[in-house]
Amino acid sequence: MSYPVTYYCPHCGTLVELERDGYLADKSVTPYPLEGWTYVDPTAPFEGDDADGVRFVCGESDGVDWDPHDGVRGSDLSGTNGEGETGDEPRDALGCGEPFYLSFVRYEEGREIDPRAESELVEIDPDPRPSGPRGPSGPPGPDGAGGGSGGGFW
């Protein structure tokens, strides 16, 4: 059995409705694809293991319902379609035309894959030189020992 699930375009906030199976494993909706994920159009079979997500083009992708709540959000709350026209008149353009991506959760060896690359720990080779600047060791003592420059200016 499938259910209507809605997502917002991260660029402009346009709402899209997609029919999904009862089990959802959504990771994120982003304006960019996740590295290593495979995306398909909303008209292609995406509920199996072949796809890691769905690629939408805002307002243009087929197989989905754009603005399913018929203007009950954003600038539509004022009774206009964002261009000063009343909500009863047809809207010329819906969405921004930018791609965005619905990414599903992926597992590898029973563990969820994090799409962010882990930062590598870098170990800097220890330097035999002292870590601070060299300078005079201090003024000479009363017996003349322990001084840095032997009593001269340099």
C-alpha atoms as a PDB file:
ATOM      1  CA  MET A   1       0.000   0.000   0.000  1.00  0.00           C
ATOM      2  CA  SER A   2       1.327   3.460  -0.829  1.00  0.00           C
ATOM      3  CA  TYR A   3       0.872   6.767   0.929  1.00  0.00           C
ATOM      4  CA  PRO A   4       1.301  10.384  -0.183  1.00  0.00           C
ATOM      5  CA  VAL A   5       4.403  11.952   1.378  1.00  0.00           C
ATOM      6  CA  THR A   6       5.275  15.628   0.944  1.00  0.00           C
ATOM      7  CA  TYR A   7       8.651  17.336   0.708  1.00  0.00           C
ATOM      8  CA  TYR A   8       9.699  20.973   0.373  1.00  0.00           C
ATOM      9  CA  CYS A   9      12.119  22.276  -2.235  1.00  0.00           C
ATOM     10  CA  PRO A  10      15.141  23.558  -0.277  1.00  0.00           C
ATOM     11  CA  HIS A  11      15.564  26.384  -2.811  1.00  0.00           C
ATOM     12  CA  CYS A  12      12.114  27.986  -2.853  1.00  0.00           C
ATOM     13  CA  GLY A  13       9.831  26.007  -0.507  1.00  0.00           C
ATOM     14  CA  THR A  14       7.527  24.592  -3.201  1.00  0.00           C
ATOM     15  CA  LEU A  15       5.741  21.518  -1.900  1.00  0.00           C
ATOM     16  CA  VAL A  16       5.843  18.210  -3.800  1.00  0.00           C
ATOM     17  CA  GLU A  17       3.820  15.071  -3.059  1.00  0.00           C
ATOM     18  CA  LEU A  18       5.238  11.636  -3.876  1.00  0.00           C
ATOM     19  CA  GLU A  19       3.512   8.264  -3.470  1.00  0.00           C
ATOM     20  CA  ARG A  20       5.655   6.072  -1.192  1.00  0.00           C
ATOM     21  CA  ASP A  21       5.454   2.577   0.286  1.00  0.00           C
ATOM     22  CA  GLY A  22       4.508   2.268   3.943  1.00  0.00           C
ATOM     23  CA  TYR A  23       8.126   1.868   5.056  1.00  0.00           C
ATOM     24  CA  LEU A  24      10.046   5.131   4.832  1.00  0.00           C
ATOM     25  CA  ALA A  25      13.796   5.376   5.285  1.00  0.00           C
ATOM     26  CA  ASP A  26      14.438   8.994   4.357  1.00  0.00           C
ATOM     27  CA  LYS A  27      17.814  10.507   5.184  1.00  0.00           C
ATOM     28  CA  SER A  28      17.488  14.081   3.950  1.00  0.00           C
ATOM     29  CA  VAL A  29      16.259  16.500   1.301  1.00  0.00           C
ATOM     30  CA  THR A  30      19.137  18.616   0.022  1.00  0.00           C
ATOM     31  CA  PRO A  31      19.847  21.051  -2.811  1.00  0.00           C
ATOM     32  CA  TYR A  32      22.803  18.866  -3.830  1.00  0.00           C
ATOM     33  CA  PRO A  33      23.301  15.114  -4.326  1.00  0.00           C
ATOM     34  CA  LEU A  34      25.105  13.177  -1.619  1.00  0.00           C
ATOM     35  CA  GLU A  35      28.442  11.780  -2.726  1.00  0.00           C
ATOM     36  CA  GLY A  36      28.151   8.087  -3.615  1.00  0.00           C
ATOM     37  CA  TRP A  37      24.322   8.043  -3.730  1.00  0.00           C
ATOM     38  CA  THR A  38      22.470   6.992  -6.909  1.00  0.00           C
ATOM     39  CA  TYR A  39      19.362   9.033  -7.798  1.00  0.00           C
ATOM     40  CA  VAL A  40      16.461   8.271 -10.141  1.00  0.00           C
ATOM     41  CA  ASP A  41      13.532  10.298 -11.480  1.00  0.00           C
ATOM     42  CA  PRO A  42      10.236  10.107  -9.553  1.00  0.00           C
ATOM     43  CA  THR A  43       8.706   8.071 -12.415  1.00  0.00           C
ATOM     44  CA  ALA A  44      11.367   5.327 -12.109  1.00  0.00           C
ATOM     45  CA  PRO A  45      11.097   2.534  -9.523  1.00  0.00           C
ATOM     46  CA  PHE A  46      12.902   3.900  -6.472  1.00  0.00           C
ATOM     47  CA  GLU A  47      11.624   1.778  -3.568  1.00  0.00           C
ATOM     48  CA  GLY A  48      13.985  -1.141  -4.319  1.00  0.00           C
ATOM     49  CA  ASP A  49      17.685  -1.522  -3.706  1.00  0.00           C
ATOM     50  CA  ASP A  50      18.701   0.014  -7.046  1.00  0.00           C
ATOM     51  CA  ALA A  51      18.225   3.665  -6.053  1.00  0.00           C
ATOM     52  CA  ASP A  52      19.561   5.593  -3.088  1.00  0.00           C
ATOM     53  CA  GLY A  53      17.220   8.518  -3.643  1.00  0.00           C
ATOM     54  CA  VAL A  54      14.997  10.563  -5.935  1.00  0.00           C
ATOM     55  CA  ARG A  55      16.056  13.579  -8.011  1.00  0.00           C
ATOM     56  CA  PHE A  56      13.390  16.249  -8.474  1.00  0.00           C
ATOM     57  CA  VAL A  57      13.429  19.297 -10.708  1.00  0.00           C
ATOM     58  CA  CYS A  58      11.290  21.813  -8.813  1.00  0.00           C
ATOM     59  CA  GLY A  59       7.936  22.285 -10.534  1.00  0.00           C
ATOM     60  CA  GLU A  60       8.948  20.244 -13.599  1.00  0.00           C
ATOM     61  CA  SER A  61       9.408  16.562 -12.650  1.00  0.00           C
ATOM     62  CA  ASP A  62       6.669  14.198 -13.812  1.00  0.00           C
ATOM     63  CA  GLY A  63       5.064  11.513 -11.663  1.00  0.00           C
ATOM     64  CA  VAL A  64       4.496  13.775  -8.643  1.00  0.00           C
ATOM     65  CA  ASP A  65       1.908  16.309  -7.530  1.00  0.00           C
ATOM     66  CA  TRP A  66       3.359  19.824  -7.270  1.00  0.00           C
ATOM     67  CA  ASP A  67       1.716  22.051  -4.648  1.00  0.00           C
ATOM     68  CA  PRO A  68      -0.740  19.327  -3.545  1.00  0.00           C
ATOM     69  CA  HIS A  69      -2.380  21.552  -0.932  1.00  0.00           C
ATOM     70  CA  ASP A  70      -3.383  23.991  -3.684  1.00  0.00           C
ATOM     71  CA  GLY A  71      -1.600  27.066  -2.403  1.00  0.00           C
ATOM     72  CA  VAL A  72      -2.009  26.764   1.351  1.00  0.00           C
ATOM     73  CA  ARG A  73       1.547  27.832   2.187  1.00  0.00           C
ATOM     74  CA  GLY A  74       4.051  30.646   1.867  1.00  0.00           C
ATOM     75  CA  SER A  75       2.978  33.701  -0.134  1.00  0.00           C
ATOM     76  CA  ASP A  76      -0.205  31.840  -1.114  1.00  0.00           C
ATOM     77  CA  LEU A  77      -1.615  32.507   2.361  1.00  0.00           C
ATOM     78  CA  SER A  78      -2.219  36.127   1.318  1.00  0.00           C
ATOM     79  CA  GLY A  79      -4.633  35.013  -1.394  1.00  0.00           C
ATOM     80  CA  THR A  80      -2.226  35.749  -4.236  1.00  0.00           C
ATOM     81  CA  ASN A  81       0.069  33.521  -6.192  1.00  0.00           C
ATOM     82  CA  GLY A  82       3.144  35.615  -5.428  1.00  0.00           C
ATOM     83  CA  GLU A  83       2.702  37.778  -8.516  1.00  0.00           C
ATOM     84  CA  GLY A  84      -0.188  39.874  -7.224  1.00  0.00           C
ATOM     85  CA  GLU A  85      -2.872  37.743  -8.878  1.00  0.00           C
ATOM     86  CA  THR A  86      -5.674  36.193  -6.854  1.00  0.00           C
ATOM     87  CA  GLY A  87      -5.517  32.529  -5.968  1.00  0.00           C
ATOM     88  CA  ASP A  88      -8.456  31.743  -8.269  1.00  0.00           C
ATOM     89  CA  GLU A  89      -6.439  32.576 -11.390  1.00  0.00           C
ATOM     90  CA  PRO A  90      -4.095  29.941 -12.854  1.00  0.00           C
ATOM     91  CA  ARG A  91      -0.454  30.286 -11.921  1.00  0.00           C
ATOM     92  CA  ASP A  92       1.970  30.530 -14.821  1.00  0.00           C
ATOM     93  CA  ALA A  93       5.002  28.969 -13.160  1.00  0.00           C
ATOM     94  CA  LEU A  94       5.192  26.658 -10.187  1.00  0.00           C
ATOM     95  CA  GLY A  95       8.545  26.061  -8.549  1.00  0.00           C
ATOM     96  CA  CYS A  96      11.977  27.431  -9.268  1.00  0.00           C
ATOM     97  CA  GLY A  97      13.202  24.820 -11.784  1.00  0.00           C
ATOM     98  CA  GLU A  98      16.229  23.931  -9.638  1.00  0.00           C
ATOM     99  CA  PRO A  99      17.105  20.283  -8.910  1.00  0.00           C
ATOM    100  CA  PHE A 100      16.900  18.904  -5.380  1.00  0.00           C
ATOM    101  CA  TYR A 101      17.449  15.457  -3.937  1.00  0.00           C
ATOM    102  CA  LEU A 102      15.597  13.120  -1.586  1.00  0.00           C
ATOM    103  CA  SER A 103      18.183  10.742  -0.127  1.00  0.00           C
ATOM    104  CA  PHE A 104      17.339   7.451   1.539  1.00  0.00           C
ATOM    105  CA  VAL A 105      19.199   5.869   4.449  1.00  0.00           C
ATOM    106  CA  ARG A 106      21.884   3.452   3.247  1.00  0.00           C
ATOM    107  CA  TYR A 107      23.428   0.565   5.136  1.00  0.00           C
ATOM    108  CA  GLU A 108      26.716  -1.225   4.664  1.00  0.00           C
ATOM    109  CA  GLU A 109      27.483  -4.333   6.742  1.00  0.00           C
ATOM    110  CA  GLY A 110      24.556  -3.506   9.028  1.00  0.00           C
ATOM    111  CA  ARG A 111      25.720   0.039   9.785  1.00  0.00           C
ATOM    112  CA  GLU A 112      24.186   3.239   8.512  1.00  0.00           C
ATOM    113  CA  ILE A 113      26.432   5.071   6.065  1.00  0.00           C
ATOM    114  CA  ASP A 114      27.077   8.702   6.932  1.00  0.00           C
ATOM    115  CA  PRO A 115      27.164  10.769   3.738  1.00  0.00           C
ATOM    116  CA  ARG A 116      29.663  13.212   5.188  1.00  0.00           C
ATOM    117  CA  ALA A 117      33.269  12.245   4.625  1.00  0.00           C
ATOM    118  CA  GLU A 118      35.144  11.585   7.830  1.00  0.00           C
ATOM    119  CA  SER A 119      38.031  13.906   8.406  1.00  0.00           C
ATOM    120  CA  GLU A 120      41.356  12.174   8.680  1.00  0.00           C
ATOM    121  CA  LEU A 121      43.465  12.681  11.740  1.00  0.00           C
ATOM    122  CA  VAL A 122      46.770  14.219  10.695  1.00  0.00           C
ATOM    123  CA  GLU A 123      49.815  13.675  12.870  1.00  0.00           C
ATOM    124  CA  ILE A 124      52.585  16.186  12.384  1.00  0.00           C
ATOM    125  CA  ASP A 125      56.113  14.760  12.567  1.00  0.00           C
ATOM    126  CA  PRO A 126      57.771  16.002  15.755  1.00  0.00           C
ATOM    127  CA  ASP A 127      60.443  18.599  15.085  1.00  0.00           C
ATOM    128  CA  PRO A 128      63.734  18.248  17.005  1.00  0.00           C
ATOM    129  CA  ARG A 129      64.025  22.029  17.202  1.00  0.00           C
ATOM    130  CA  PRO A 130      62.638  23.848  20.233  1.00  0.00           C
ATOM    131  CA  SER A 131      59.049  24.951  19.890  1.00  0.00           C
ATOM    132  CA  GLY A 132      59.619  28.510  21.118  1.00  0.00           C
ATOM    133  CA  PRO A 133      61.909  31.311  20.022  1.00  0.00           C
ATOM    134  CA  ARG A 134      65.484  31.391  21.283  1.00  0.00           C
ATOM    135  CA  GLY A 135      66.490  34.359  23.360  1.00  0.00           C
ATOM    136  CA  PRO A 136      68.843  35.366  26.106  1.00  0.00           C
ATOM    137  CA  SER A 137      68.898  33.034  29.061  1.00  0.00           C
ATOM    138  CA  GLY A 138      68.683  35.959  31.481  1.00  0.00           C
ATOM    139  CA  PRO A 139      70.988  38.415  33.242  1.00  0.00           C
ATOM    140  CA  PRO A 140      74.248  37.179  34.725  1.00  0.00           C
ATOM    141  CA  GLY A 141      74.325  36.417  38.417  1.00  0.00           C
ATOM    142  CA  PRO A 142      76.576  38.088  40.991  1.00  0.00           C
ATOM    143  CA  ASP A 143      79.418  35.661  40.238  1.00  0.00           C
ATOM    144  CA  GLY A 144      79.072  36.340  36.474  1.00  0.00           C
ATOM    145  CA  ALA A 145      77.689  32.871  35.784  1.00  0.00           C
ATOM    146  CA  GLY A 146      74.347  32.143  34.175  1.00  0.00           C
ATOM    147  CA  GLY A 147      74.401  35.131  31.881  1.00  0.00           C
ATOM    148  CA  GLY A 148      73.404  34.991  28.318  1.00  0.00           C
ATOM    149  CA  SER A 149      75.828  37.257  26.502  1.00  0.00           C
ATOM    150  CA  GLY A 150      78.782  37.524  28.896  1.00  0.00           C
ATOM    151  CA  GLY A 151      77.948  41.058  30.010  1.00  0.00           C
ATOM    152  CA  GLY A 152      78.173  42.713  26.585  1.00  0.00           C
ATOM    153  CA  PHE A 153      75.332  44.268  24.668  1.00  0.00           C
ATOM    154  CA  TRP A 154      75.321  41.508  22.078  1.00  0.00           C
END
